[in-house]
Amino acid sequence: MSDGNRKNIIVWGIRMGVIVAGWVIGYMQFEKRALGILIGTGAAIIIILLEIIIEKVALDTMISAGVGVAIGLIVAKLIDYSVIQINDDKLIEVYNSYSLLIKVICAYICMVISIRKKDQLDLLDKNIFPTGSRGKNPVKLLDTSVLIDGRIADISETGFFEGTVIIPEFVLKELREIADSSDASRRALGRRGLDIVKKLKDNKKIFLKILKKEFPKINEVDGKLIKLAEELGAKIVTSDYNLNKLASVQGIGILNVNELSNAVKPPVLPGEELKLFILKEGKEKNQGIGYIEDGTMVVVEDGKNFIGQKVDVIVNSILQTSAGRLIFARIEKAGN
């Protein structure tokens, strides 16, 4: 028998004991007939139901509810004091008739507000909100792709990356799952992402916070990131094309590492001559593929016959895509 099953048997045994004790106490303390047993058993069942409900409620929710009730009762007491200070006998008489109802309403409203707003308590960090949507440097949320990409560590070292940087706990969880994958390549990516997290933690030029925030009703990590960005007034740092588009549609600020990388690449202009090593065959007929120093792909017309050779090419055109810059070129022929 597993520990879980054994624990359940013990718990239900205790609950049955409470029910038996309830009807015995009811019979002995209230009335020595069926009504006493009914009262005692009913009270025991109510106690067990409360225990089951409390067991399913998170501790922070119970604390929030308690704090809300306390605040509500304080508000009700202030209302009592204000009514007494008015010193109107008729008003006091009417108020006293409804004072209990007013206390219940105040306690209930404050309890509900406290429970519903409890998730925002961890957002009241002085290092988050001052740099949030009301500050000059919005909070930056890092997604899984940008951590696996790794360039964010180098960018943060330059000092261009300012403000509070947040890695949500659900992003770390996804990284750990990737790092524990049975697929060797995915496992390597996950471990690389975790290494980047460690580098960012050690970086003194940024303030990094791991935020324990969950959205149980949202399954996808991208959806959780967008929801958190909405709450914080934050921008999402990513290299994921789909997340970029999804967040942009919903009005969330995006910092795309690929776009930053493209922006700082040395400019290449149409008509410029390049010396290029043709590495492989392209998708279209007779095309060759090469790469310039910054990693930008160059598609060379009629370059298939020069695979494995270094040749002079002339840039025809440049295509800017969300994944990066793509250069189209042709072989420079003698006499051109």
Protein backbone atom coordinates (compact mmCIF):
# COMPACT_ATOMS: atom_id res chain seq x y z
CA MET A 1 0.00 0.00 0.00
CA SER A 2 1.34 3.40 -0.98
CA ASP A 3 1.92 6.18 1.56
CA GLY A 4 -0.84 8.25 -0.09
CA ASN A 5 -3.45 5.48 0.33
CA ARG A 6 -2.37 4.85 3.90
CA LYS A 7 -2.69 8.54 4.70
CA ASN A 8 -6.21 8.69 3.18
CA ILE A 9 -7.34 5.71 5.25
CA ILE A 10 -6.04 7.35 8.44
CA VAL A 11 -7.70 10.69 7.59
CA TRP A 12 -11.08 9.08 6.87
CA GLY A 13 -10.76 6.98 10.01
CA ILE A 14 -10.32 10.19 12.03
CA ARG A 15 -13.29 11.77 10.27
CA MET A 16 -15.52 8.79 11.09
CA GLY A 17 -14.33 9.09 14.69
CA VAL A 18 -15.38 12.77 14.70
CA ILE A 19 -18.86 11.81 13.44
CA VAL A 20 -19.23 9.13 16.14
CA ALA A 21 -18.00 11.58 18.79
CA GLY A 22 -20.49 14.13 17.44
CA TRP A 23 -23.56 12.01 17.91
CA VAL A 24 -22.34 10.78 21.32
CA ILE A 25 -21.74 14.36 22.51
CA GLY A 26 -25.07 15.45 21.03
CA TYR A 27 -26.88 12.65 22.83
CA MET A 28 -25.10 13.30 26.16
CA GLN A 29 -24.95 17.11 26.09
CA PHE A 30 -28.09 18.23 24.25
CA GLU A 31 -30.90 15.72 24.46
CA LYS A 32 -30.88 12.02 25.24
CA ARG A 33 -32.96 11.15 22.23
CA ALA A 34 -32.81 11.22 18.41
CA LEU A 35 -32.79 15.02 18.21
CA GLY A 36 -29.56 15.22 20.27
CA ILE A 37 -27.89 12.62 18.05
CA LEU A 38 -29.03 14.52 14.95
CA ILE A 39 -27.64 17.82 16.28
CA GLY A 40 -24.28 16.29 17.27
CA THR A 41 -23.90 14.36 13.99
CA GLY A 42 -24.85 17.45 11.94
CA ALA A 43 -22.27 19.55 13.78
CA ALA A 44 -19.58 16.88 13.17
CA ILE A 45 -20.41 16.71 9.44
CA ILE A 46 -20.20 20.52 9.18
CA ILE A 47 -16.79 20.43 10.88
CA ILE A 48 -15.54 17.76 8.43
CA LEU A 49 -16.85 19.70 5.42
CA LEU A 50 -15.07 22.84 6.65
CA GLU A 51 -11.88 20.82 7.10
CA ILE A 52 -12.14 19.43 3.53
CA ILE A 53 -12.75 22.92 2.10
CA ILE A 54 -9.87 24.44 4.09
CA GLU A 55 -7.56 21.62 2.92
CA LYS A 56 -8.19 22.57 -0.71
CA VAL A 57 -7.64 26.29 -0.14
CA ALA A 58 -4.09 27.59 -0.51
CA LEU A 59 -2.45 29.06 2.59
CA ASP A 60 -1.91 32.46 0.96
CA THR A 61 -5.62 32.57 0.09
CA MET A 62 -6.59 31.88 3.70
CA ILE A 63 -4.18 34.54 4.94
CA SER A 64 -5.54 37.02 2.40
CA ALA A 65 -9.10 36.20 3.47
CA GLY A 66 -8.20 36.72 7.14
CA VAL A 67 -6.51 40.03 6.42
CA GLY A 68 -9.51 41.13 4.34
CA VAL A 69 -11.98 40.27 7.11
CA ALA A 70 -9.85 42.14 9.67
CA ILE A 71 -9.71 45.23 7.44
CA GLY A 72 -13.47 45.01 6.86
CA LEU A 73 -14.18 44.92 10.59
CA ILE A 74 -11.88 47.91 11.12
CA VAL A 75 -13.78 49.81 8.42
CA ALA A 76 -17.09 48.87 10.08
CA LYS A 77 -15.75 50.08 13.44
CA LEU A 78 -14.76 53.41 11.86
CA ILE A 79 -18.30 53.71 10.49
CA ASP A 80 -19.64 53.03 14.02
CA TYR A 81 -17.42 55.76 15.42
CA SER A 82 -18.46 58.24 12.68
CA VAL A 83 -22.18 57.63 13.33
CA ILE A 84 -21.73 58.12 17.08
CA GLN A 85 -19.84 61.37 16.47
CA ILE A 86 -22.77 62.74 14.45
CA ASN A 87 -24.77 62.50 17.71
CA ASP A 88 -28.16 62.08 16.04
CA ASP A 89 -30.36 59.78 18.14
CA LYS A 90 -32.62 58.84 15.24
CA LEU A 91 -29.67 58.06 12.96
CA ILE A 92 -28.01 56.02 15.71
CA GLU A 93 -31.22 54.06 16.30
CA VAL A 94 -31.57 53.25 12.59
CA TYR A 95 -27.86 52.40 12.31
CA ASN A 96 -27.98 50.05 15.30
CA SER A 97 -30.77 48.13 13.59
CA TYR A 98 -28.47 47.38 10.64
CA SER A 99 -25.03 47.48 12.32
CA LEU A 100 -24.53 43.71 12.19
CA LEU A 101 -25.46 43.63 8.49
CA ILE A 102 -23.06 46.51 7.79
CA LYS A 103 -20.24 44.65 9.58
CA VAL A 104 -20.92 41.49 7.58
CA ILE A 105 -21.01 43.44 4.30
CA CYS A 106 -17.75 45.29 5.07
CA ALA A 107 -16.00 42.07 6.10
CA TYR A 108 -17.25 40.22 3.01
CA ILE A 109 -16.33 42.95 0.51
CA CYS A 110 -12.83 43.40 1.96
CA MET A 111 -12.32 39.63 2.11
CA VAL A 112 -13.27 39.19 -1.57
CA ILE A 113 -11.09 42.11 -2.65
CA SER A 114 -8.16 40.76 -0.64
CA ILE A 115 -8.49 37.26 -2.14
CA ARG A 116 -8.82 38.51 -5.70
CA LYS A 117 -5.91 40.92 -5.37
CA LYS A 118 -3.59 38.56 -3.49
CA ASP A 119 -1.79 37.58 -6.71
CA GLN A 120 -0.60 41.16 -7.05
CA LEU A 121 1.13 41.16 -3.65
CA ASP A 122 4.32 39.74 -5.15
CA LEU A 123 4.23 42.55 -7.74
CA LEU A 124 4.55 45.23 -5.05
CA ASP A 125 8.31 44.83 -5.08
CA LYS A 126 9.94 48.26 -4.97
CA ASN A 127 12.34 47.10 -7.67
CA ILE A 128 9.54 46.22 -10.08
CA PHE A 129 6.86 48.88 -10.12
CA PRO A 130 9.12 51.97 -10.12
CA THR A 131 10.64 50.72 -13.36
CA GLY A 132 7.36 49.40 -14.74
CA SER A 133 4.91 51.09 -17.04
CA ARG A 134 5.13 54.24 -14.95
CA GLY A 135 8.92 54.42 -15.20
CA LYS A 136 11.41 55.28 -17.92
CA ASN A 137 12.66 51.70 -18.28
CA PRO A 138 9.83 49.15 -18.56
CA VAL A 139 10.21 45.81 -16.84
CA LYS A 140 11.56 43.19 -19.21
CA LEU A 141 10.27 39.60 -19.23
CA LEU A 142 12.58 36.96 -20.68
CA ASP A 143 11.03 34.05 -22.54
CA THR A 144 12.41 30.56 -23.07
CA SER A 145 13.67 31.17 -26.61
CA VAL A 146 15.80 34.17 -25.70
CA LEU A 147 17.45 32.26 -22.84
CA ILE A 148 18.25 29.31 -25.09
CA ASP A 149 19.50 31.74 -27.77
CA GLY A 150 22.06 33.03 -25.26
CA ARG A 151 22.83 36.42 -26.83
CA ILE A 152 20.89 38.15 -24.06
CA ALA A 153 23.79 37.49 -21.67
CA ASP A 154 26.21 39.37 -23.94
CA ILE A 155 23.71 42.19 -24.52
CA SER A 156 23.20 42.66 -20.78
CA GLU A 157 26.96 42.88 -20.27
CA THR A 158 27.18 45.87 -22.59
CA GLY A 159 25.02 48.06 -20.31
CA PHE A 160 22.43 48.72 -23.03
CA PHE A 161 19.97 46.47 -21.23
CA GLU A 162 18.63 48.60 -18.35
CA GLY A 163 15.89 48.25 -15.76
CA THR A 164 14.43 45.27 -13.97
CA VAL A 165 14.70 41.91 -15.75
CA ILE A 166 12.25 39.18 -14.77
CA ILE A 167 12.37 35.47 -15.50
CA PRO A 168 9.00 33.96 -14.56
CA GLU A 169 9.04 30.67 -12.68
CA PHE A 170 6.98 29.00 -15.43
CA VAL A 171 9.72 29.85 -17.97
CA LEU A 172 12.33 28.24 -15.72
CA LYS A 173 10.07 25.20 -15.40
CA GLU A 174 9.90 24.88 -19.18
CA LEU A 175 13.70 25.19 -19.40
CA ARG A 176 14.12 22.41 -16.82
CA GLU A 177 11.74 20.18 -18.75
CA ILE A 178 13.73 20.76 -21.94
CA ALA A 179 17.00 20.10 -20.05
CA ASP A 180 15.57 16.76 -18.82
CA SER A 181 14.40 15.74 -22.31
CA SER A 182 15.31 12.31 -23.63
CA ASP A 183 16.36 13.97 -26.90
CA ALA A 184 20.05 14.89 -26.72
CA SER A 185 19.77 18.06 -28.83
CA ARG A 186 16.81 19.41 -26.79
CA ARG A 187 18.62 18.51 -23.59
CA ALA A 188 21.64 20.54 -24.70
CA LEU A 189 19.43 23.54 -25.50
CA GLY A 190 17.75 23.37 -22.10
CA ARG A 191 21.05 23.20 -20.26
CA ARG A 192 22.36 26.11 -22.29
CA GLY A 193 19.31 28.14 -21.25
CA LEU A 194 19.91 27.31 -17.57
CA ASP A 195 23.56 28.34 -17.94
CA ILE A 196 22.44 31.69 -19.37
CA VAL A 197 20.13 32.17 -16.37
CA LYS A 198 23.13 31.68 -14.08
CA LYS A 199 25.17 34.22 -16.07
CA LEU A 200 22.38 36.75 -15.80
CA LYS A 201 22.16 36.19 -12.04
CA ASP A 202 25.89 36.90 -11.75
CA ASN A 203 25.63 40.04 -13.88
CA LYS A 204 25.83 43.10 -11.61
CA LYS A 205 24.74 45.50 -14.36
CA ILE A 206 21.11 44.36 -14.25
CA PHE A 207 18.60 43.61 -11.50
CA LEU A 208 17.29 40.09 -12.13
CA LYS A 209 14.23 38.74 -10.35
CA ILE A 210 12.77 35.23 -10.51
CA LEU A 211 9.03 35.81 -10.18
CA LYS A 212 6.87 33.04 -8.73
CA LYS A 213 3.68 33.84 -10.56
CA GLU A 214 1.29 31.32 -12.07
CA PHE A 215 -1.77 31.42 -14.29
CA PRO A 216 -3.44 28.02 -13.76
CA LYS A 217 -6.15 28.66 -16.34
CA ILE A 218 -3.57 29.32 -19.11
CA ASN A 219 -1.73 26.28 -20.46
CA GLU A 220 0.74 27.80 -22.92
CA VAL A 221 3.87 29.56 -21.66
CA ASP A 222 3.47 32.25 -24.34
CA GLY A 223 -0.05 33.01 -23.09
CA LYS A 224 1.21 33.26 -19.51
CA LEU A 225 3.97 35.65 -20.58
CA ILE A 226 1.50 37.91 -22.37
CA LYS A 227 -0.84 37.93 -19.34
CA LEU A 228 2.03 38.76 -16.98
CA ALA A 229 3.27 41.51 -19.32
CA GLU A 230 -0.22 43.03 -19.25
CA GLU A 231 -0.26 43.03 -15.44
CA LEU A 232 3.21 44.54 -15.09
CA GLY A 233 3.11 46.91 -18.05
CA ALA A 234 6.26 45.06 -19.14
CA LYS A 235 7.95 44.27 -22.44
CA ILE A 236 8.76 40.73 -23.54
CA VAL A 237 12.29 39.96 -24.69
CA THR A 238 12.23 37.13 -27.22
CA SER A 239 13.66 35.65 -30.38
CA ASP A 240 10.47 33.67 -31.10
CA TYR A 241 8.67 34.80 -34.27
CA ASN A 242 5.24 33.48 -33.22
CA LEU A 243 5.37 35.07 -29.76
CA ASN A 244 6.50 38.31 -31.39
CA LYS A 245 3.43 38.39 -33.64
CA LEU A 246 0.98 37.23 -30.95
CA ALA A 247 2.15 39.81 -28.41
CA SER A 248 2.21 42.61 -30.98
CA VAL A 249 -1.42 41.92 -31.94
CA GLN A 250 -2.40 42.25 -28.26
CA GLY A 251 -0.51 45.51 -27.83
CA ILE A 252 2.36 44.09 -25.74
CA GLY A 253 5.79 45.68 -26.21
CA ILE A 254 8.36 43.35 -27.74
CA LEU A 255 12.16 43.49 -27.75
CA ASN A 256 13.26 41.06 -30.44
CA VAL A 257 16.90 39.97 -30.15
CA ASN A 258 16.98 39.09 -33.86
CA GLU A 259 15.89 42.60 -34.81
CA LEU A 260 18.53 44.08 -32.51
CA SER A 261 21.16 41.83 -34.06
CA ASN A 262 20.12 42.91 -37.56
CA ALA A 263 20.18 46.56 -36.61
CA VAL A 264 23.81 46.48 -35.50
CA LYS A 265 25.13 44.43 -38.42
CA PRO A 266 27.46 46.25 -40.83
CA PRO A 267 25.41 47.56 -43.76
CA VAL A 268 25.63 45.79 -47.11
CA LEU A 269 24.34 47.72 -50.10
CA PRO A 270 23.17 46.58 -53.56
CA GLY A 271 26.05 46.72 -56.04
CA GLU A 272 28.65 46.08 -53.33
CA GLU A 273 31.32 43.48 -54.06
CA LEU A 274 31.94 40.65 -51.58
CA LYS A 275 34.41 37.81 -51.41
CA LEU A 276 32.36 34.77 -50.44
CA PHE A 277 32.94 31.08 -49.80
CA ILE A 278 30.15 29.04 -51.43
CA LEU A 279 29.29 26.45 -48.80
CA LYS A 280 26.36 24.46 -50.19
CA GLU A 281 23.61 24.22 -52.78
CA GLY A 282 20.55 26.49 -52.51
CA LYS A 283 16.88 25.54 -52.74
CA GLU A 284 16.37 26.87 -56.25
CA LYS A 285 18.07 25.63 -59.39
CA ASN A 286 21.80 26.45 -59.66
CA GLN A 287 21.79 28.50 -56.46
CA GLY A 288 24.72 28.46 -54.06
CA ILE A 289 24.69 29.45 -50.38
CA GLY A 290 27.39 31.27 -48.46
CA TYR A 291 27.66 33.35 -45.29
CA ILE A 292 29.40 36.64 -44.58
CA GLU A 293 31.31 37.22 -41.32
CA ASP A 294 28.32 38.25 -39.22
CA GLY A 295 26.45 35.04 -40.16
CA THR A 296 24.08 36.58 -42.71
CA MET A 297 23.07 34.13 -45.43
CA VAL A 298 23.94 35.02 -49.02
CA VAL A 299 22.02 33.32 -51.85
CA VAL A 300 24.20 33.33 -54.97
CA GLU A 301 22.65 33.05 -58.42
CA ASP A 302 24.44 30.40 -60.54
CA GLY A 303 26.64 29.63 -57.53
CA LYS A 304 26.08 25.86 -57.52
CA ASN A 305 29.11 25.20 -59.72
CA PHE A 306 31.37 27.07 -57.29
CA ILE A 307 30.59 25.06 -54.13
CA GLY A 308 33.75 24.72 -52.06
CA GLN A 309 35.34 27.78 -53.68
CA LYS A 310 35.86 31.38 -52.65
CA VAL A 311 34.56 33.73 -55.32
CA ASP A 312 33.78 37.40 -55.86
CA VAL A 313 30.08 38.20 -55.88
CA ILE A 314 28.01 41.35 -56.41
CA VAL A 315 25.03 42.08 -54.15
CA ASN A 316 21.77 42.27 -56.14
CA SER A 317 19.29 42.94 -53.34
CA ILE A 318 18.71 42.62 -49.60
CA LEU A 319 15.60 41.15 -48.01
CA GLN A 320 14.83 41.97 -44.38
CA THR A 321 12.82 39.25 -42.60
CA SER A 322 11.76 38.70 -39.00
CA ALA A 323 14.33 35.90 -38.80
CA GLY A 324 17.14 38.09 -40.08
CA ARG A 325 18.67 39.65 -43.17
CA LEU A 326 18.91 37.73 -46.44
CA ILE A 327 21.28 38.83 -49.22
CA PHE A 328 20.87 37.90 -52.89
CA ALA A 329 23.97 38.09 -55.07
CA ARG A 330 25.44 36.99 -58.40
CA ILE A 331 28.84 35.77 -59.45
CA GLU A 332 31.09 38.61 -60.60
CA LYS A 333 32.24 37.70 -64.06
CA ALA A 334 35.34 38.99 -65.76
CA GLY A 335 34.62 42.20 -67.61
CA ASN A 336 31.71 43.28 -65.33
